[in-house]
Amino acid sequence: MTIKELQATVDGWINDHGVRYFNEMTNTALLMEEVGEVARVMARTYGEQSRKPSDEGKQLADELADVLFVLTCIANQTGVDLTEAVRANLEKKTQRDRDRHKGNEKLR
């Protein structure tokens, strides 16, 4: 699935099942909540925190998909073409960081 197809699929799902988009501020709060759930899985899977019974069944892939879904909702409702945004962002990073990381001794 391309990013463009993802945006269309999410929009279709919202219209078919979600009635309408939550407003932008609600979706921003939901995005922060979902990112927190990713952080919780990471801390318990790759970090030093131990699991709790409430963590049972939490999967990183599912939590990342939740983040992507809400992020896509925000892009759709604010008119952002994520394909173009990612392309432009990578171009910016390439220009800015062309040699930056190659010279970083901490990464060797």
N, C-alpha and C. Protein backbone atom coordinates (compact mmCIF):
# COMPACT_ATOMS: atom_id res chain seq x y z
N MET A 1 0.85 -1.18 0.00
CA MET A 1 0.00 0.00 0.00
C MET A 1 0.90 1.24 0.00
N THR A 2 0.62 2.15 -0.90
CA THR A 2 1.37 3.41 -0.93
C THR A 2 0.82 4.35 0.15
N ILE A 3 1.55 5.41 0.40
CA ILE A 3 1.08 6.40 1.37
C ILE A 3 -0.22 7.03 0.87
N LYS A 4 -0.28 7.32 -0.42
CA LYS A 4 -1.50 7.89 -1.01
C LYS A 4 -2.69 6.94 -0.81
N GLU A 5 -2.45 5.64 -1.03
CA GLU A 5 -3.51 4.66 -0.81
C GLU A 5 -3.89 4.58 0.66
N LEU A 6 -2.91 4.69 1.55
CA LEU A 6 -3.20 4.70 2.99
C LEU A 6 -4.11 5.87 3.34
N GLN A 7 -3.78 7.05 2.83
CA GLN A 7 -4.61 8.21 3.13
C GLN A 7 -6.04 8.00 2.63
N ALA A 8 -6.20 7.44 1.45
CA ALA A 8 -7.53 7.19 0.90
C ALA A 8 -8.26 6.10 1.70
N THR A 9 -7.54 5.06 2.10
CA THR A 9 -8.15 3.98 2.87
C THR A 9 -8.63 4.47 4.23
N VAL A 10 -7.80 5.25 4.90
CA VAL A 10 -8.19 5.80 6.20
C VAL A 10 -9.40 6.72 6.04
N ASP A 11 -9.39 7.55 5.00
CA ASP A 11 -10.53 8.44 4.77
C ASP A 11 -11.80 7.63 4.53
N GLY A 12 -11.69 6.57 3.74
CA GLY A 12 -12.85 5.71 3.50
C GLY A 12 -13.34 5.05 4.78
N TRP A 13 -12.40 4.59 5.62
CA TRP A 13 -12.80 3.97 6.88
C TRP A 13 -13.52 4.97 7.78
N ILE A 14 -12.98 6.18 7.86
CA ILE A 14 -13.62 7.21 8.68
C ILE A 14 -15.04 7.47 8.19
N ASN A 15 -15.20 7.60 6.89
CA ASN A 15 -16.53 7.88 6.35
C ASN A 15 -17.49 6.71 6.49
N ASP A 16 -16.98 5.48 6.42
CA ASP A 16 -17.84 4.30 6.52
C ASP A 16 -18.13 3.89 7.96
N HIS A 17 -17.14 4.05 8.85
CA HIS A 17 -17.27 3.51 10.21
C HIS A 17 -17.15 4.56 11.31
N GLY A 18 -16.48 5.62 11.05
CA GLY A 18 -16.21 6.60 12.09
C GLY A 18 -17.14 7.79 12.09
N VAL A 19 -18.05 7.85 11.16
CA VAL A 19 -19.01 8.95 10.98
C VAL A 19 -18.32 10.20 10.47
N ARG A 20 -17.33 10.70 11.21
CA ARG A 20 -16.56 11.88 10.80
C ARG A 20 -15.24 11.86 11.55
N TYR A 21 -14.32 12.71 11.12
CA TYR A 21 -13.06 12.85 11.85
C TYR A 21 -13.32 13.54 13.18
N PHE A 22 -12.60 13.12 14.22
CA PHE A 22 -12.56 13.93 15.44
C PHE A 22 -11.88 15.24 15.07
N ASN A 23 -12.10 16.30 15.84
CA ASN A 23 -11.44 17.55 15.48
C ASN A 23 -9.93 17.44 15.64
N GLU A 24 -9.23 18.38 15.09
CA GLU A 24 -7.77 18.33 15.03
C GLU A 24 -7.12 18.23 16.41
N MET A 25 -7.66 18.97 17.37
CA MET A 25 -7.08 18.93 18.71
C MET A 25 -7.33 17.58 19.39
N THR A 26 -8.51 17.01 19.18
CA THR A 26 -8.78 15.69 19.74
C THR A 26 -7.84 14.67 19.12
N ASN A 27 -7.66 14.73 17.81
CA ASN A 27 -6.75 13.78 17.15
C ASN A 27 -5.31 13.99 17.59
N THR A 28 -4.91 15.22 17.88
CA THR A 28 -3.56 15.45 18.39
C THR A 28 -3.40 14.80 19.75
N ALA A 29 -4.39 14.93 20.61
CA ALA A 29 -4.34 14.28 21.92
C ALA A 29 -4.32 12.76 21.76
N LEU A 30 -5.12 12.24 20.84
CA LEU A 30 -5.12 10.79 20.59
C LEU A 30 -3.77 10.31 20.07
N LEU A 31 -3.12 11.13 19.23
CA LEU A 31 -1.80 10.78 18.71
C LEU A 31 -0.80 10.67 19.87
N MET A 32 -0.86 11.60 20.80
CA MET A 32 0.05 11.56 21.95
C MET A 32 -0.22 10.31 22.80
N GLU A 33 -1.48 9.97 22.95
CA GLU A 33 -1.85 8.77 23.69
C GLU A 33 -1.28 7.52 23.02
N GLU A 34 -1.43 7.44 21.72
CA GLU A 34 -0.93 6.27 20.98
C GLU A 34 0.59 6.19 21.02
N VAL A 35 1.27 7.33 20.93
CA VAL A 35 2.74 7.34 21.03
C VAL A 35 3.15 6.86 22.41
N GLY A 36 2.39 7.23 23.43
CA GLY A 36 2.66 6.75 24.79
C GLY A 36 2.54 5.24 24.88
N GLU A 37 1.58 4.66 24.17
CA GLU A 37 1.41 3.21 24.17
C GLU A 37 2.60 2.53 23.47
N VAL A 38 3.13 3.15 22.41
CA VAL A 38 4.34 2.63 21.78
C VAL A 38 5.49 2.67 22.79
N ALA A 39 5.63 3.79 23.49
CA ALA A 39 6.71 3.93 24.48
C ALA A 39 6.59 2.87 25.58
N ARG A 40 5.38 2.57 25.99
CA ARG A 40 5.16 1.56 27.04
C ARG A 40 5.64 0.18 26.55
N VAL A 41 5.26 -0.19 25.33
CA VAL A 41 5.70 -1.48 24.78
C VAL A 41 7.22 -1.50 24.66
N MET A 42 7.81 -0.42 24.17
CA MET A 42 9.26 -0.36 24.00
C MET A 42 9.98 -0.49 25.35
N ALA A 43 9.48 0.21 26.37
CA ALA A 43 10.11 0.17 27.69
C ALA A 43 10.06 -1.22 28.30
N ARG A 44 8.98 -1.95 28.02
CA ARG A 44 8.82 -3.26 28.61
C ARG A 44 9.48 -4.36 27.76
N THR A 45 9.59 -4.13 26.46
CA THR A 45 10.18 -5.14 25.58
C THR A 45 11.69 -4.95 25.43
N TYR A 46 12.12 -3.72 25.24
CA TYR A 46 13.53 -3.45 24.97
C TYR A 46 14.22 -2.69 26.11
N GLY A 47 13.43 -2.15 27.01
CA GLY A 47 13.98 -1.40 28.14
C GLY A 47 14.03 -2.24 29.39
N GLU A 48 14.11 -1.57 30.50
CA GLU A 48 14.32 -2.25 31.77
C GLU A 48 13.07 -2.43 32.60
N GLN A 49 11.93 -1.94 32.13
CA GLN A 49 10.70 -2.10 32.89
C GLN A 49 10.16 -3.51 32.74
N SER A 50 9.58 -4.00 33.83
CA SER A 50 8.94 -5.32 33.77
C SER A 50 7.49 -5.15 33.33
N ARG A 51 6.96 -6.21 32.78
CA ARG A 51 5.58 -6.20 32.29
C ARG A 51 4.59 -6.25 33.44
N LYS A 52 3.41 -5.69 33.17
CA LYS A 52 2.28 -5.74 34.11
C LYS A 52 1.20 -6.60 33.46
N PRO A 53 0.26 -7.09 34.24
CA PRO A 53 -0.84 -7.85 33.63
C PRO A 53 -1.58 -7.06 32.54
N SER A 54 -1.68 -5.75 32.71
CA SER A 54 -2.39 -4.93 31.72
C SER A 54 -1.64 -4.82 30.40
N ASP A 55 -0.37 -5.23 30.37
CA ASP A 55 0.42 -5.21 29.14
C ASP A 55 0.18 -6.44 28.27
N GLU A 56 -0.52 -7.41 28.82
CA GLU A 56 -0.76 -8.66 28.09
C GLU A 56 -1.41 -8.39 26.74
N GLY A 57 -0.85 -8.95 25.71
CA GLY A 57 -1.43 -8.83 24.38
C GLY A 57 -1.04 -7.58 23.62
N LYS A 58 -0.33 -6.66 24.26
CA LYS A 58 0.09 -5.43 23.57
C LYS A 58 1.25 -5.77 22.63
N GLN A 59 1.09 -5.43 21.36
CA GLN A 59 2.09 -5.74 20.34
C GLN A 59 2.59 -4.44 19.71
N LEU A 60 3.90 -4.35 19.54
CA LEU A 60 4.50 -3.15 18.96
C LEU A 60 3.89 -2.83 17.60
N ALA A 61 3.74 -3.82 16.74
CA ALA A 61 3.20 -3.56 15.39
C ALA A 61 1.82 -2.92 15.46
N ASP A 62 0.97 -3.41 16.34
CA ASP A 62 -0.38 -2.87 16.47
C ASP A 62 -0.34 -1.44 16.99
N GLU A 63 0.53 -1.19 17.96
CA GLU A 63 0.62 0.17 18.52
C GLU A 63 1.19 1.15 17.51
N LEU A 64 2.18 0.71 16.72
CA LEU A 64 2.71 1.58 15.67
C LEU A 64 1.64 1.86 14.61
N ALA A 65 0.84 0.85 14.29
CA ALA A 65 -0.25 1.05 13.32
C ALA A 65 -1.26 2.05 13.85
N ASP A 66 -1.53 2.03 15.16
CA ASP A 66 -2.44 3.03 15.75
C ASP A 66 -1.88 4.44 15.57
N VAL A 67 -0.58 4.60 15.78
CA VAL A 67 0.06 5.91 15.59
C VAL A 67 -0.08 6.35 14.14
N LEU A 68 0.20 5.44 13.22
CA LEU A 68 0.12 5.77 11.79
C LEU A 68 -1.31 6.13 11.39
N PHE A 69 -2.29 5.43 11.93
CA PHE A 69 -3.70 5.71 11.63
C PHE A 69 -4.07 7.12 12.06
N VAL A 70 -3.77 7.48 13.30
CA VAL A 70 -4.14 8.81 13.80
C VAL A 70 -3.35 9.89 13.08
N LEU A 71 -2.08 9.64 12.82
CA LEU A 71 -1.27 10.59 12.07
C LEU A 71 -1.86 10.83 10.68
N THR A 72 -2.32 9.75 10.06
CA THR A 72 -2.95 9.86 8.74
C THR A 72 -4.25 10.63 8.82
N CYS A 73 -5.01 10.43 9.88
CA CYS A 73 -6.24 11.21 10.07
C CYS A 73 -5.92 12.70 10.13
N ILE A 74 -4.91 13.05 10.90
CA ILE A 74 -4.53 14.47 11.02
C ILE A 74 -4.11 15.02 9.67
N ALA A 75 -3.32 14.26 8.93
CA ALA A 75 -2.91 14.71 7.60
C ALA A 75 -4.12 14.91 6.70
N ASN A 76 -5.02 13.95 6.70
CA ASN A 76 -6.21 14.05 5.85
C ASN A 76 -7.04 15.28 6.19
N GLN A 77 -7.28 15.49 7.44
CA GLN A 77 -8.20 16.58 7.81
C GLN A 77 -7.56 17.96 7.71
N THR A 78 -6.24 18.01 7.59
CA THR A 78 -5.57 19.31 7.45
C THR A 78 -5.04 19.53 6.03
N GLY A 79 -5.33 18.58 5.13
CA GLY A 79 -4.96 18.75 3.73
C GLY A 79 -3.50 18.47 3.42
N VAL A 80 -2.83 17.70 4.26
CA VAL A 80 -1.42 17.37 4.01
C VAL A 80 -1.33 16.12 3.15
N ASP A 81 -0.60 16.23 2.05
CA ASP A 81 -0.29 15.09 1.20
C ASP A 81 0.97 14.46 1.79
N LEU A 82 0.81 13.34 2.49
CA LEU A 82 1.95 12.73 3.17
C LEU A 82 3.03 12.26 2.22
N THR A 83 2.66 11.83 1.03
CA THR A 83 3.68 11.42 0.05
C THR A 83 4.60 12.58 -0.25
N GLU A 84 4.04 13.73 -0.55
CA GLU A 84 4.83 14.92 -0.85
C GLU A 84 5.57 15.41 0.39
N ALA A 85 4.93 15.34 1.54
CA ALA A 85 5.57 15.81 2.78
C ALA A 85 6.80 14.97 3.11
N VAL A 86 6.70 13.64 2.96
CA VAL A 86 7.83 12.76 3.24
C VAL A 86 8.94 13.00 2.22
N ARG A 87 8.58 13.15 0.94
CA ARG A 87 9.58 13.43 -0.09
C ARG A 87 10.34 14.71 0.22
N ALA A 88 9.63 15.77 0.53
CA ALA A 88 10.25 17.05 0.83
C ALA A 88 11.09 16.97 2.11
N ASN A 89 10.62 16.24 3.09
CA ASN A 89 11.34 16.11 4.35
C ASN A 89 12.65 15.35 4.16
N LEU A 90 12.61 14.28 3.36
CA LEU A 90 13.84 13.53 3.10
C LEU A 90 14.84 14.37 2.31
N GLU A 91 14.33 15.17 1.39
CA GLU A 91 15.22 16.07 0.64
C GLU A 91 15.88 17.07 1.58
N LYS A 92 15.10 17.64 2.50
CA LYS A 92 15.64 18.58 3.48
C LYS A 92 16.71 17.91 4.33
N LYS A 93 16.41 16.72 4.83
CA LYS A 93 17.37 15.99 5.68
C LYS A 93 18.65 15.66 4.90
N THR A 94 18.48 15.28 3.64
CA THR A 94 19.65 14.93 2.82
C THR A 94 20.56 16.14 2.65
N GLN A 95 19.98 17.29 2.39
CA GLN A 95 20.79 18.50 2.24
C GLN A 95 21.44 18.89 3.56
N ARG A 96 20.69 18.86 4.62
CA ARG A 96 21.18 19.32 5.92
C ARG A 96 22.19 18.35 6.53
N ASP A 97 21.94 17.06 6.38
CA ASP A 97 22.73 16.05 7.10
C ASP A 97 23.60 15.19 6.19
N ARG A 98 23.88 15.69 5.00
CA ARG A 98 24.61 14.90 4.00
C ARG A 98 25.82 14.19 4.60
N ASP A 99 26.63 14.88 5.37
CA ASP A 99 27.84 14.29 5.93
C ASP A 99 27.85 14.29 7.46
N ARG A 100 26.84 14.85 8.05
CA ARG A 100 26.79 15.03 9.51
C ARG A 100 26.98 13.72 10.27
N HIS A 101 26.23 12.70 9.92
CA HIS A 101 26.27 11.46 10.69
C HIS A 101 27.49 10.60 10.36
N LYS A 102 27.98 10.73 9.13
CA LYS A 102 29.17 9.97 8.74
C LYS A 102 30.38 10.37 9.57
N GLY A 103 30.42 11.61 10.01
CA GLY A 103 31.55 12.10 10.80
C GLY A 103 31.35 11.96 12.31
N ASN A 104 30.26 11.35 12.72
CA ASN A 104 29.96 11.24 14.15
C ASN A 104 30.62 9.99 14.71
N GLU A 105 31.64 10.20 15.52
CA GLU A 105 32.38 9.07 16.11
C GLU A 105 31.50 8.22 17.03
N LYS A 106 30.46 8.80 17.58
CA LYS A 106 29.56 8.06 18.48
C LYS A 106 28.79 6.98 17.75
N LEU A 107 28.68 7.10 16.43
CA LEU A 107 27.93 6.13 15.66
C LEU A 107 28.79 5.00 15.10
N ARG A 108 30.05 5.03 15.37
CA ARG A 108 30.95 4.00 14.84
C ARG A 108 31.14 2.88 15.83
